C-alpha atoms as a PDB file:
ATOM      1  CA  MET A   1     103.447  41.426 115.110  1.00  0.00           C
ATOM      2  CA  THR A   2     105.927  38.757 114.070  1.00  0.00           C
ATOM      3  CA  VAL A   3     108.825  37.359 116.064  1.00  0.00           C
ATOM      4  CA  LEU A   4     111.199  39.295 113.817  1.00  0.00           C
ATOM      5  CA  ASP A   5     109.372  42.548 114.525  1.00  0.00           C
ATOM      6  CA  ARG A   6     109.550  42.004 118.282  1.00  0.00           C
ATOM      7  CA  HIS A   7     113.233  41.137 118.031  1.00  0.00           C
ATOM      8  CA  LEU A   8     114.032  44.333 116.122  1.00  0.00           C
ATOM      9  CA  LEU A   9     111.983  46.497 118.462  1.00  0.00           C
ATOM     10  CA  ARG A  10     113.632  44.956 121.505  1.00  0.00           C
ATOM     11  CA  MET A  11     117.085  45.589 120.032  1.00  0.00           C
ATOM     12  CA  VAL A  12     116.283  49.303 119.729  1.00  0.00           C
ATOM     13  CA  LEU A  13     114.015  49.914 122.722  1.00  0.00           C
ATOM     14  CA  LEU A  14     116.216  48.343 125.385  1.00  0.00           C
ATOM     15  CA  PRO A  15     119.290  50.570 124.792  1.00  0.00           C
ATOM     16  CA  THR A  16     116.981  53.561 124.262  1.00  0.00           C
ATOM     17  CA  VAL A  17     115.391  53.117 127.698  1.00  0.00           C
ATOM     18  CA  ILE A  18     118.710  52.389 129.406  1.00  0.00           C
ATOM     19  CA  GLY A  19     120.442  55.343 127.731  1.00  0.00           C
ATOM     20  CA  THR A  20     117.578  57.696 128.573  1.00  0.00           C
ATOM     21  CA  VAL A  21     117.472  56.624 132.233  1.00  0.00           C
ATOM     22  CA  LEU A  22     121.236  56.832 132.706  1.00  0.00           C
ATOM     23  CA  THR A  23     121.425  60.242 131.041  1.00  0.00           C
ATOM     24  CA  LEU A  24     118.572  61.525 133.205  1.00  0.00           C
ATOM     25  CA  LEU A  25     120.314  60.264 136.335  1.00  0.00           C
ATOM     26  CA  VAL A  26     123.524  62.091 135.408  1.00  0.00           C
ATOM     27  CA  TYR A  27     121.573  65.219 134.485  1.00  0.00           C
ATOM     28  CA  SER A  28     119.643  65.029 137.762  1.00  0.00           C
ATOM     29  CA  ALA A  29     122.866  64.824 139.759  1.00  0.00           C
ATOM     30  CA  PHE A  30     124.260  67.926 138.058  1.00  0.00           C
ATOM     31  CA  ALA A  31     120.927  69.759 138.417  1.00  0.00           C
ATOM     32  CA  LEU A  32     120.751  68.970 142.139  1.00  0.00           C
ATOM     33  CA  ALA A  33     124.374  70.035 142.628  1.00  0.00           C
ATOM     34  CA  SER A  34     123.712  73.366 140.898  1.00  0.00           C
ATOM     35  CA  LEU A  35     120.665  73.968 143.113  1.00  0.00           C
ATOM     36  CA  LEU A  36     122.604  73.196 146.276  1.00  0.00           C
ATOM     37  CA  ARG A  37     125.321  75.665 145.262  1.00  0.00           C
ATOM     38  CA  ASP A  38     122.731  78.455 145.327  1.00  0.00           C
ATOM     39  CA  SER A  39     122.410  79.590 148.933  1.00  0.00           C
ATOM     40  CA  ALA A  40     118.854  80.804 148.353  1.00  0.00           C
ATOM     41  CA  LEU A  41     117.761  77.413 147.016  1.00  0.00           C
ATOM     42  CA  ALA A  42     119.847  75.179 149.265  1.00  0.00           C
ATOM     43  CA  ALA A  43     117.735  76.114 152.299  1.00  0.00           C
ATOM     44  CA  ALA A  44     114.569  74.766 150.642  1.00  0.00           C
ATOM     45  CA  PRO A  45     113.078  71.423 151.776  1.00  0.00           C
ATOM     46  CA  ILE A  46     114.604  68.410 150.047  1.00  0.00           C
ATOM     47  CA  SER A  47     111.169  67.401 148.714  1.00  0.00           C
ATOM     48  CA  THR A  48     110.862  70.737 146.921  1.00  0.00           C
ATOM     49  CA  LEU A  49     114.376  70.421 145.519  1.00  0.00           C
ATOM     50  CA  MET A  50     113.667  66.928 144.204  1.00  0.00           C
ATOM     51  CA  LEU A  51     110.423  68.137 142.651  1.00  0.00           C
ATOM     52  CA  LEU A  52     112.304  70.918 140.883  1.00  0.00           C
ATOM     53  CA  VAL A  53     114.920  68.414 139.670  1.00  0.00           C
ATOM     54  CA  GLY A  54     112.117  66.198 138.348  1.00  0.00           C
ATOM     55  CA  VAL A  55     110.573  69.121 136.489  1.00  0.00           C
ATOM     56  CA  ARG A  56     113.933  69.974 134.941  1.00  0.00           C
ATOM     57  CA  ASP A  57     114.313  66.329 133.926  1.00  0.00           C
ATOM     58  CA  LEU A  58     110.967  66.500 132.159  1.00  0.00           C
ATOM     59  CA  ILE A  59     112.121  69.583 130.264  1.00  0.00           C
ATOM     60  CA  ALA A  60     115.393  67.899 129.282  1.00  0.00           C
ATOM     61  CA  LEU A  61     113.641  64.674 128.272  1.00  0.00           C
ATOM     62  CA  GLN A  62     112.430  66.228 125.021  1.00  0.00           C
ATOM     63  CA  VAL A  63     116.054  66.311 123.863  1.00  0.00           C
ATOM     64  CA  ILE A  64     117.466  63.332 125.763  1.00  0.00           C
ATOM     65  CA  LEU A  65     114.892  60.858 124.404  1.00  0.00           C
ATOM     66  CA  PRO A  66     115.516  61.600 120.684  1.00  0.00           C
ATOM     67  CA  SER A  67     119.264  61.506 121.307  1.00  0.00           C
ATOM     68  CA  ALA A  68     119.152  58.095 123.000  1.00  0.00           C
ATOM     69  CA  PHE A  69     116.798  56.756 120.332  1.00  0.00           C
ATOM     70  CA  PHE A  70     119.013  57.976 117.484  1.00  0.00           C
ATOM     71  CA  LEU A  71     122.189  56.388 118.858  1.00  0.00           C
ATOM     72  CA  SER A  72     120.386  53.176 119.880  1.00  0.00           C
ATOM     73  CA  MET A  73     118.958  52.785 116.390  1.00  0.00           C
ATOM     74  CA  ILE A  74     122.399  53.101 114.812  1.00  0.00           C
ATOM     75  CA  MET A  75     123.960  50.609 117.242  1.00  0.00           C
ATOM     76  CA  ALA A  76     121.117  48.084 116.941  1.00  0.00           C
ATOM     77  CA  GLN A  77     120.915  48.235 113.150  1.00  0.00           C
ATOM     78  CA  GLY A  78     124.701  48.166 112.842  1.00  0.00           C
ATOM     79  CA  ALA A  79     125.038  45.084 115.064  1.00  0.00           C
ATOM     80  CA  TRP A  80     122.179  43.333 113.247  1.00  0.00           C
ATOM     81  CA  HIS A  81     123.822  43.842 109.862  1.00  0.00           C
ATOM     82  CA  ARG A  82     127.358  43.229 111.123  1.00  0.00           C
ATOM     83  CA  ASP A  83     126.393  39.836 112.566  1.00  0.00           C
ATOM     84  CA  ARG A  84     124.752  38.906 109.227  1.00  0.00           C
ATOM     85  CA  GLU A  85     121.288  38.386 110.754  1.00  0.00           C
ATOM     86  CA  ALA A  86     119.891  41.001 108.409  1.00  0.00           C
ATOM     87  CA  TYR A  87     121.512  39.439 105.374  1.00  0.00           C
ATOM     88  CA  ALA A  88     120.098  36.025 106.339  1.00  0.00           C
ATOM     89  CA  CYS A  89     116.637  37.609 106.232  1.00  0.00           C
ATOM     90  CA  TYR A  90     117.355  39.243 102.882  1.00  0.00           C
ATOM     91  CA  ALA A  91     118.622  35.933 101.469  1.00  0.00           C
ATOM     92  CA  ASN A  92     115.332  34.290 102.471  1.00  0.00           C
ATOM     93  CA  GLY A  93     113.318  36.777 100.461  1.00  0.00           C
ATOM     94  CA  ILE A  94     112.455  39.310 103.184  1.00  0.00           C
ATOM     95  CA  ALA A  95     112.839  42.767 101.642  1.00  0.00           C
ATOM     96  CA  PRO A  96     114.728  45.451 103.580  1.00  0.00           C
ATOM     97  CA  GLU A  97     111.606  47.624 103.423  1.00  0.00           C
ATOM     98  CA  ARG A  98     109.632  44.920 105.256  1.00  0.00           C
ATOM     99  CA  VAL A  99     112.303  44.660 107.951  1.00  0.00           C
ATOM    100  CA  GLU A 100     112.350  48.429 108.457  1.00  0.00           C
ATOM    101  CA  ARG A 101     108.576  48.723 108.828  1.00  0.00           C
ATOM    102  CA  PRO A 102     108.391  48.213 112.639  1.00  0.00           C
ATOM    103  CA  LEU A 103     111.374  50.545 113.096  1.00  0.00           C
ATOM    104  CA  ILE A 104     109.621  53.276 111.124  1.00  0.00           C
ATOM    105  CA  VAL A 105     106.507  52.798 113.276  1.00  0.00           C
ATOM    106  CA  LEU A 106     108.704  53.013 116.374  1.00  0.00           C
ATOM    107  CA  ALA A 107     110.283  56.239 115.097  1.00  0.00           C
ATOM    108  CA  ALA A 108     106.790  57.677 114.583  1.00  0.00           C
ATOM    109  CA  LEU A 109     105.759  56.673 118.132  1.00  0.00           C
ATOM    110  CA  ILE A 110     108.881  58.250 119.626  1.00  0.00           C
ATOM    111  CA  ALA A 111     108.127  61.390 117.614  1.00  0.00           C
ATOM    112  CA  LEU A 112     104.586  61.446 119.061  1.00  0.00           C
ATOM    113  CA  VAL A 113     106.004  61.184 122.590  1.00  0.00           C
ATOM    114  CA  VAL A 114     108.388  64.063 121.852  1.00  0.00           C
ATOM    115  CA  ALA A 115     105.452  66.041 120.420  1.00  0.00           C
ATOM    116  CA  GLY A 116     103.607  65.565 123.705  1.00  0.00           C
ATOM    117  CA  LEU A 117     106.680  66.691 125.627  1.00  0.00           C
ATOM    118  CA  SER A 118     107.382  69.764 123.482  1.00  0.00           C
ATOM    119  CA  LEU A 119     103.787  70.920 122.923  1.00  0.00           C
ATOM    120  CA  GLY A 120     102.200  69.999 126.242  1.00  0.00           C
ATOM    121  CA  ALA A 121     104.746  69.164 128.923  1.00  0.00           C
ATOM    122  CA  ARG A 122     107.245  71.907 128.002  1.00  0.00           C
ATOM    123  CA  PRO A 123     105.085  74.971 128.870  1.00  0.00           C
ATOM    124  CA  TRP A 124     103.623  73.246 131.922  1.00  0.00           C
ATOM    125  CA  SER A 125     107.075  72.217 133.176  1.00  0.00           C
ATOM    126  CA  TYR A 126     108.548  75.682 132.712  1.00  0.00           C
ATOM    127  CA  GLN A 127     105.593  77.238 134.516  1.00  0.00           C
ATOM    128  CA  LEU A 128     105.992  74.842 137.442  1.00  0.00           C
ATOM    129  CA  ALA A 129     109.783  75.284 137.518  1.00  0.00           C
ATOM    130  CA  TYR A 130     109.349  79.063 137.470  1.00  0.00           C
ATOM    131  CA  THR A 131     106.854  78.889 140.339  1.00  0.00           C
ATOM    132  CA  LEU A 132     109.048  76.581 142.428  1.00  0.00           C
ATOM    133  CA  GLU A 133     112.209  78.634 141.908  1.00  0.00           C
ATOM    134  CA  GLU A 134     110.359  81.836 142.730  1.00  0.00           C
ATOM    135  CA  ARG A 135     108.906  80.289 145.858  1.00  0.00           C
ATOM    136  CA  MET A 136     112.302  79.023 147.022  1.00  0.00           C
ATOM    137  CA  THR A 137     114.188  82.237 146.259  1.00  0.00           C
ATOM    138  CA  GLU A 138     111.514  84.525 147.676  1.00  0.00           C
ATOM    139  CA  LEU A 139     112.782  86.015 150.915  1.00  0.00           C
ATOM    140  CA  SER A 140     110.201  86.673 153.578  1.00  0.00           C
ATOM    141  CA  SER A 141     110.258  87.627 157.226  1.00  0.00           C
ATOM    142  CA  ASP A 142     108.900  84.150 158.028  1.00  0.00           C
ATOM    143  CA  VAL A 143     111.849  82.155 156.658  1.00  0.00           C
ATOM    144  CA  LEU A 144     114.813  84.390 157.545  1.00  0.00           C
ATOM    145  CA  GLN A 145     117.024  83.254 160.392  1.00  0.00           C
ATOM    146  CA  SER A 146     118.813  85.593 162.764  1.00  0.00           C
ATOM    147  CA  GLY A 147     122.522  86.154 162.297  1.00  0.00           C
ATOM    148  CA  THR A 148     122.560  84.993 158.638  1.00  0.00           C
ATOM    149  CA  PHE A 149     123.297  87.114 155.587  1.00  0.00           C
ATOM    150  CA  TYR A 150     120.768  86.906 152.720  1.00  0.00           C
ATOM    151  CA  ARG A 151     120.818  88.359 149.231  1.00  0.00           C
ATOM    152  CA  TRP A 152     117.572  90.182 148.593  1.00  0.00           C
ATOM    153  CA  SER A 153     118.371  91.634 145.170  1.00  0.00           C
ATOM    154  CA  ASP A 154     121.312  91.659 142.787  1.00  0.00           C
ATOM    155  CA  GLN A 155     123.236  94.200 144.855  1.00  0.00           C
ATOM    156  CA  LEU A 156     121.666  94.246 148.327  1.00  0.00           C
ATOM    157  CA  VAL A 157     122.397  91.882 151.229  1.00  0.00           C
ATOM    158  CA  LEU A 158     120.811  92.031 154.665  1.00  0.00           C
ATOM    159  CA  ARG A 159     121.114  90.491 158.098  1.00  0.00           C
ATOM    160  CA  ALA A 160     118.910  90.633 161.189  1.00  0.00           C
ATOM    161  CA  ASP A 161     120.167  90.149 164.726  1.00  0.00           C
ATOM    162  CA  ALA A 162     116.786  88.738 165.761  1.00  0.00           C
ATOM    163  CA  VAL A 163     113.520  87.574 164.213  1.00  0.00           C
ATOM    164  CA  ASP A 164     110.291  88.097 166.137  1.00  0.00           C
ATOM    165  CA  ALA A 165     108.214  85.055 165.169  1.00  0.00           C
ATOM    166  CA  THR A 166     105.353  86.160 167.430  1.00  0.00           C
ATOM    167  CA  ALA A 167     104.682  89.382 165.517  1.00  0.00           C
ATOM    168  CA  PRO A 168     101.698  89.500 163.107  1.00  0.00           C
ATOM    169  CA  ALA A 169     102.388  88.477 159.500  1.00  0.00           C
ATOM    170  CA  GLU A 170     102.143  92.041 158.178  1.00  0.00           C
ATOM    171  CA  ALA A 171     104.185  93.565 161.007  1.00  0.00           C
ATOM    172  CA  PRO A 172     107.986  93.960 160.952  1.00  0.00           C
ATOM    173  CA  ARG A 173     109.576  90.783 162.263  1.00  0.00           C
ATOM    174  CA  LEU A 174     113.227  91.539 161.557  1.00  0.00           C
ATOM    175  CA  LEU A 175     114.922  93.343 164.432  1.00  0.00           C
ATOM    176  CA  ARG A 176     118.225  95.268 164.489  1.00  0.00           C
ATOM    177  CA  VAL A 177     118.776  94.951 160.766  1.00  0.00           C
ATOM    178  CA  PHE A 178     121.977  95.579 158.819  1.00  0.00           C
ATOM    179  CA  ALA A 179     121.994  95.912 155.014  1.00  0.00           C
ATOM    180  CA  ALA A 180     124.618  96.838 152.424  1.00  0.00           C
ATOM    181  CA  GLN A 181     124.254  97.829 148.790  1.00  0.00           C
ATOM    182  CA  ARG A 182     126.748  98.780 146.108  1.00  0.00           C
ATOM    183  CA  GLU A 183     125.500 100.979 143.286  1.00  0.00           C
ATOM    184  CA  GLY A 184     128.019 102.339 140.803  1.00  0.00           C
ATOM    185  CA  ASP A 185     130.680 104.353 142.641  1.00  0.00           C
ATOM    186  CA  SER A 186     128.704 104.542 145.870  1.00  0.00           C
ATOM    187  CA  PHE A 187     128.280 102.147 148.744  1.00  0.00           C
ATOM    188  CA  ARG A 188     125.253 102.246 151.042  1.00  0.00           C
ATOM    189  CA  ILE A 189     125.005 100.854 154.560  1.00  0.00           C
ATOM    190  CA  ILE A 190     121.646 100.693 156.288  1.00  0.00           C
ATOM    191  CA  ARG A 191     121.062 100.168 159.978  1.00  0.00           C
ATOM    192  CA  ALA A 192     117.457  99.939 161.085  1.00  0.00           C
ATOM    193  CA  ALA A 193     115.580  98.976 164.220  1.00  0.00           C
ATOM    194  CA  ARG A 194     113.041  96.919 162.266  1.00  0.00           C
ATOM    195  CA  ALA A 195     112.400  95.674 158.728  1.00  0.00           C
ATOM    196  CA  HIS A 196     109.628  93.877 156.875  1.00  0.00           C
ATOM    197  CA  ILE A 197     109.671  91.949 153.583  1.00  0.00           C
ATOM    198  CA  SER A 198     106.396  91.688 151.713  1.00  0.00           C
ATOM    199  CA  ALA A 199     105.232  88.768 149.597  1.00  0.00           C
ATOM    200  CA  ILE A 200     105.559  88.980 145.814  1.00  0.00           C
ATOM    201  CA  GLY A 201     102.532  90.805 144.436  1.00  0.00           C
ATOM    202  CA  ALA A 202     100.530  90.324 141.268  1.00  0.00           C
ATOM    203  CA  ASP A 203     102.890  92.700 139.450  1.00  0.00           C
ATOM    204  CA  ARG A 204     105.816  90.357 140.254  1.00  0.00           C
ATOM    205  CA  ARG A 205     107.341  92.905 142.623  1.00  0.00           C
ATOM    206  CA  GLN A 206     108.467  92.578 146.238  1.00  0.00           C
ATOM    207  CA  THR A 207     108.948  95.324 148.807  1.00  0.00           C
ATOM    208  CA  LEU A 208     111.542  95.615 151.583  1.00  0.00           C
ATOM    209  CA  GLU A 209     110.811  98.314 154.199  1.00  0.00           C
ATOM    210  CA  PHE A 210     113.302  99.511 156.834  1.00  0.00           C
ATOM    211  CA  GLN A 211     111.965 101.446 159.813  1.00  0.00           C
ATOM    212  CA  ASP A 212     113.694 103.822 162.261  1.00  0.00           C
ATOM    213  CA  GLY A 213     117.274 103.748 161.076  1.00  0.00           C
ATOM    214  CA  THR A 214     120.146 105.518 159.377  1.00  0.00           C
ATOM    215  CA  LEU A 215     121.448 105.417 155.813  1.00  0.00           C
ATOM    216  CA  HIS A 216     125.219 105.796 155.334  1.00  0.00           C
ATOM    217  CA  GLU A 217     126.208 106.710 151.757  1.00  0.00           C
ATOM    218  CA  LEU A 218     129.906 106.372 150.963  1.00  0.00           C
ATOM    219  CA  GLY A 219     131.389 107.674 147.734  1.00  0.00           C
ATOM    220  CA  THR A 220     134.112 105.221 146.757  1.00  0.00           C
ATOM    221  CA  ALA A 221     135.452 107.549 144.061  1.00  0.00           C
ATOM    222  CA  ASP A 222     135.743 110.850 145.980  1.00  0.00           C
ATOM    223  CA  GLY A 223     135.671 109.535 149.561  1.00  0.00           C
ATOM    224  CA  SER A 224     132.547 111.529 150.468  1.00  0.00           C
ATOM    225  CA  ARG A 225     130.168 110.395 153.191  1.00  0.00           C
ATOM    226  CA  ARG A 226     126.607 111.294 154.056  1.00  0.00           C
ATOM    227  CA  VAL A 227     124.430 110.037 156.897  1.00  0.00           C
ATOM    228  CA  THR A 228     120.630 110.310 156.738  1.00  0.00           C
ATOM    229  CA  ALA A 229     118.178 109.359 159.442  1.00  0.00           C
ATOM    230  CA  PHE A 230     114.834 107.962 158.286  1.00  0.00           C
ATOM    231  CA  ALA A 231     111.581 106.747 159.726  1.00  0.00           C
ATOM    232  CA  SER A 232     110.849 104.526 156.717  1.00  0.00           C
ATOM    233  CA  LEU A 233     113.001 103.494 153.765  1.00  0.00           C
ATOM    234  CA  VAL A 234     111.459 101.308 151.041  1.00  0.00           C
ATOM    235  CA  TYR A 235     113.147  99.204 148.350  1.00  0.00           C
ATOM    236  CA  GLN A 236     111.254  97.491 145.557  1.00  0.00           C
ATOM    237  CA  THR A 237     112.367  94.822 143.099  1.00  0.00           C
ATOM    238  CA  ASN A 238     111.787  94.903 139.350  1.00  0.00           C
ATOM    239  CA  PRO A 239     110.944  91.811 137.284  1.00  0.00           C
ATOM    240  CA  GLY A 240     114.132  90.903 135.440  1.00  0.00           C
ATOM    241  CA  GLU A 241     114.696  90.124 131.795  1.00  0.00           C
ATOM    242  CA  SER A 242     115.406  86.476 132.581  1.00  0.00           C
ATOM    243  CA  ARG A 243     111.932  86.096 134.076  1.00  0.00           C
ATOM    244  CA  ARG A 244     110.344  87.573 130.969  1.00  0.00           C
ATOM    245  CA  ALA A 245     112.338  85.200 128.778  1.00  0.00           C
ATOM    246  CA  LEU A 246     111.318  82.274 130.961  1.00  0.00           C
ATOM    247  CA  HIS A 247     107.710  83.414 130.866  1.00  0.00           C
ATOM    248  CA  ARG A 248     107.783  83.045 127.064  1.00  0.00           C
ATOM    249  CA  ARG A 249     108.354  79.311 127.428  1.00  0.00           C
ATOM    250  CA  THR A 250     105.243  78.971 129.588  1.00  0.00           C
ATOM    251  CA  GLN A 251     102.875  80.277 126.905  1.00  0.00           C
ATOM    252  CA  PRO A 252     100.563  77.924 124.954  1.00  0.00           C
ATOM    253  CA  LEU A 253     101.386  77.254 121.328  1.00  0.00           C
ATOM    254  CA  GLY A 254      98.424  79.189 119.949  1.00  0.00           C
ATOM    255  CA  LYS A 255      99.407  82.374 121.751  1.00  0.00           C
ATOM    256  CA  LEU A 256     102.993  82.074 120.494  1.00  0.00           C
ATOM    257  CA  LEU A 257     101.842  81.606 116.896  1.00  0.00           C
ATOM    258  CA  ASP A 258      99.654  84.716 117.126  1.00  0.00           C
ATOM    259  CA  SER A 259     102.456  86.822 118.590  1.00  0.00           C
ATOM    260  CA  ASP A 260     104.362  89.411 116.550  1.00  0.00           C
ATOM    261  CA  LEU A 261     107.547  88.975 118.596  1.00  0.00           C
ATOM    262  CA  ALA A 262     110.393  87.127 116.895  1.00  0.00           C
ATOM    263  CA  LYS A 263     111.338  85.265 120.100  1.00  0.00           C
ATOM    264  CA  ASP A 264     107.788  83.983 120.481  1.00  0.00           C
ATOM    265  CA  ARG A 265     107.761  82.711 116.891  1.00  0.00           C
ATOM    266  CA  ALA A 266     111.112  81.005 117.431  1.00  0.00           C
ATOM    267  CA  GLU A 267     109.754  79.254 120.523  1.00  0.00           C
ATOM    268  CA  ALA A 268     106.667  78.083 118.606  1.00  0.00           C
ATOM    269  CA  GLN A 269     108.770  76.792 115.706  1.00  0.00           C
ATOM    270  CA  TRP A 270     111.060  74.931 118.111  1.00  0.00           C
ATOM    271  CA  ARG A 271     108.072  73.095 119.603  1.00  0.00           C
ATOM    272  CA  LEU A 272     106.646  72.206 116.193  1.00  0.00           C
ATOM    273  CA  THR A 273     109.936  71.246 114.565  1.00  0.00           C
ATOM    274  CA  LEU A 274     111.352  68.990 117.280  1.00  0.00           C
ATOM    275  CA  PRO A 275     108.910  66.057 116.775  1.00  0.00           C
ATOM    276  CA  VAL A 276     109.468  66.149 113.001  1.00  0.00           C
ATOM    277  CA  VAL A 277     113.242  66.238 113.498  1.00  0.00           C
ATOM    278  CA  THR A 278     112.942  63.288 115.892  1.00  0.00           C
ATOM    279  CA  PHE A 279     111.171  61.191 113.267  1.00  0.00           C
ATOM    280  CA  LEU A 280     113.606  62.169 110.512  1.00  0.00           C
ATOM    281  CA  ILE A 281     116.729  61.428 112.552  1.00  0.00           C
ATOM    282  CA  GLY A 282     115.201  58.032 113.339  1.00  0.00           C
ATOM    283  CA  MET A 283     114.859  57.400 109.605  1.00  0.00           C
ATOM    284  CA  ILE A 284     118.433  58.570 109.089  1.00  0.00           C
ATOM    285  CA  ALA A 285     119.653  56.241 111.861  1.00  0.00           C
ATOM    286  CA  ILE A 286     118.061  53.265 110.104  1.00  0.00           C
ATOM    287  CA  ARG A 287     120.109  54.056 107.007  1.00  0.00           C
ATOM    288  CA  LEU A 288     123.314  54.652 108.944  1.00  0.00           C
ATOM    289  CA  GLY A 289     123.003  51.177 110.484  1.00  0.00           C
ATOM    290  CA  HIS A 290     123.274  49.431 107.104  1.00  0.00           C
ATOM    291  CA  VAL A 291     126.818  48.070 107.203  1.00  0.00           C
ATOM    292  CA  ARG A 292     128.390  45.131 105.430  1.00  0.00           C
ATOM    293  CA  PRO A 293     128.847  41.760 107.188  1.00  0.00           C
ATOM    294  CA  LEU A 294     131.607  41.767 109.827  1.00  0.00           C
ATOM    295  CA  GLN A 295     132.191  45.498 109.230  1.00  0.00           C
ATOM    296  CA  SER A 296     132.910  47.498 112.389  1.00  0.00           C
ATOM    297  CA  THR A 297     130.039  49.684 113.545  1.00  0.00           C
ATOM    298  CA  TYR A 298     132.256  52.229 115.313  1.00  0.00           C
ATOM    299  CA  GLY A 299     132.755  54.241 112.147  1.00  0.00           C
ATOM    300  CA  ARG A 300     129.006  54.543 111.588  1.00  0.00           C
ATOM    301  CA  LEU A 301     128.462  55.401 115.250  1.00  0.00           C
ATOM    302  CA  ALA A 302     131.076  58.160 115.056  1.00  0.00           C
ATOM    303  CA  LEU A 303     129.458  59.423 111.846  1.00  0.00           C
ATOM    304  CA  GLY A 304     126.062  59.341 113.552  1.00  0.00           C
ATOM    305  CA  ILE A 305     127.335  61.380 116.495  1.00  0.00           C
ATOM    306  CA  ALA A 306     128.834  63.946 114.110  1.00  0.00           C
ATOM    307  CA  ILE A 307     125.541  64.158 112.192  1.00  0.00           C
ATOM    308  CA  TYR A 308     123.610  64.510 115.448  1.00  0.00           C
ATOM    309  CA  VAL A 309     125.858  67.366 116.612  1.00  0.00           C
ATOM    310  CA  VAL A 310     125.447  69.141 113.270  1.00  0.00           C
ATOM    311  CA  ILE A 311     121.653  68.739 113.303  1.00  0.00           C
ATOM    312  CA  PHE A 312     121.023  69.997 116.822  1.00  0.00           C
ATOM    313  CA  ASN A 313     123.587  72.768 116.525  1.00  0.00           C
ATOM    314  CA  GLY A 314     121.774  73.720 113.345  1.00  0.00           C
ATOM    315  CA  VAL A 315     118.491  73.816 115.274  1.00  0.00           C
ATOM    316  CA  ASN A 316     120.060  76.092 117.900  1.00  0.00           C
ATOM    317  CA  LEU A 317     121.604  78.361 115.259  1.00  0.00           C
ATOM    318  CA  LEU A 318     118.346  78.666 113.340  1.00  0.00           C
ATOM    319  CA  THR A 319     116.446  79.345 116.564  1.00  0.00           C
ATOM    320  CA  SER A 320     118.893  82.097 117.502  1.00  0.00           C
ATOM    321  CA  ALA A 321     118.696  83.557 113.983  1.00  0.00           C
ATOM    322  CA  VAL A 322     114.887  83.713 114.146  1.00  0.00           C
ATOM    323  CA  GLU A 323     114.964  85.247 117.640  1.00  0.00           C
ATOM    324  CA  GLN A 324     117.369  87.972 116.495  1.00  0.00           C
ATOM    325  CA  GLU A 325     115.407  88.483 113.241  1.00  0.00           C
ATOM    326  CA  GLN A 326     118.443  87.528 111.174  1.00  0.00           C
ATOM    327  CA  LEU A 327     116.315  84.841 109.523  1.00  0.00           C
ATOM    328  CA  ALA A 328     112.731  85.330 108.406  1.00  0.00           C
ATOM    329  CA  SER A 329     110.078  83.407 110.318  1.00  0.00           C
ATOM    330  CA  THR A 330     109.199  81.775 107.012  1.00  0.00           C
ATOM    331  CA  PRO A 331     110.851  79.359 106.508  1.00  0.00           C
ATOM    332  CA  GLY A 332     112.652  79.826 109.858  1.00  0.00           C
ATOM    333  CA  LEU A 333     113.316  76.541 111.642  1.00  0.00           C
ATOM    334  CA  TYR A 334     111.154  74.733 109.096  1.00  0.00           C
ATOM    335  CA  LEU A 335     114.103  75.045 106.698  1.00  0.00           C
ATOM    336  CA  LEU A 336     115.712  72.135 108.532  1.00  0.00           C
ATOM    337  CA  VAL A 337     112.981  69.676 107.504  1.00  0.00           C
ATOM    338  CA  PRO A 338     113.636  69.599 103.700  1.00  0.00           C
ATOM    339  CA  LEU A 339     117.379  69.502 104.388  1.00  0.00           C
ATOM    340  CA  LEU A 340     116.973  66.398 106.555  1.00  0.00           C
ATOM    341  CA  ILE A 341     114.694  64.786 103.975  1.00  0.00           C
ATOM    342  CA  ALA A 342     117.286  65.404 101.262  1.00  0.00           C
ATOM    343  CA  PHE A 343     120.003  63.908 103.472  1.00  0.00           C
ATOM    344  CA  TRP A 344     117.839  60.874 104.219  1.00  0.00           C
ATOM    345  CA  PHE A 345     117.225  60.374 100.485  1.00  0.00           C
ATOM    346  CA  MET A 346     120.977  60.477  99.842  1.00  0.00           C
ATOM    347  CA  LEU A 347     121.581  57.869 102.553  1.00  0.00           C
ATOM    348  CA  THR A 348     118.813  55.733 101.053  1.00  0.00           C
ATOM    349  CA  ARG A 349     120.668  55.591  97.755  1.00  0.00           C
ATOM    350  CA  MET A 350     123.878  54.700  99.581  1.00  0.00           C
ATOM    351  CA  SER A 351     122.099  51.994 101.593  1.00  0.00           C
ATOM    352  CA  ALA A 352     120.681  50.480  98.418  1.00  0.00           C
ATOM    353  CA  PHE A 353     124.251  50.186  97.137  1.00  0.00           C
ATOM    354  CA  THR A 354     125.398  48.644 100.445  1.00  0.00           C
ATOM    355  CA  LEU A 355     122.677  45.982 100.389  1.00  0.00           C
ATOM    356  CA  ARG A 356     123.257  45.118  96.733  1.00  0.00           C
ATOM    357  CA  PRO A 357     124.429  41.472  96.522  1.00  0.00           C
ATOM    358  CA  ALA A 358     127.995  40.904  95.521  1.00  0.00           C
ATOM    359  CA  PRO A 359     128.496  39.631  91.915  1.00  0.00           C
END
């Protein structure tokens, strides 16, 4: 590797690393703030919260890294050409293709890193994030505190006057329990002597059992009221749609490719397309950085940002179209690859004109 190669790589890598780290720090701050706003998650240990933030950072890195690399390439190439360093090399017989060689290798290496993130780290990270969030939001008789309201399901909240920590794990520990639930035009109030919350089972369900209490049903529309005494009243959760959608992102690539579901195919195409898009936008950034001596680079940077927004919005639109079966799985997201190649070829012709010596 020559001195020139190291100089070019340093010009691109340094802002890429700095931009990636700063963006991750900002993203981490927002992720931690959103977790702390959730009362069910805010009570979790800080170590668990930071682990969840780190996992979310790893998921976001597959998009943050290509973004930082794309913008850093444009800025580095633009500054190199603006300050006439590039043209000094060209005047000494170094072809532009020779200068771009280490940058192309760098774009390929970044694409390989993104491939590892999207194909390997993405399903693992989502699985770990899902497990951590479920563990932190899972209510149990062991973690509830007396005198505090907790949301157990979408529409049911409960409170216990006392918690018997000495009772066996499978025995009711919540004493003098109050619960309220709104369902349609009716409102239910439950008062029970004891209650027990089970752990989440293999079927992803959790059971809440009230013992020795009364159920007050109030009709908000007609003003009716009914009181029922019970020895045992059981509620059971259902796995939600959001969990099923999240579960799709935890599946290995092979299983997604073999699936007949459109959403699974869209997820697989996203993982396969992202590394290729990363390499192609790196090639496009090299071309966008070819400016004339002393020419401002802000115009090219603004153009690069606009192109980046169009590309990744296009990825999201194509993904949504495949998921909703508005676009066939073939070509699906792969349609973006020839479009980017055609755009890169057009920029190559424009760059050749830019680098042409003045008469």
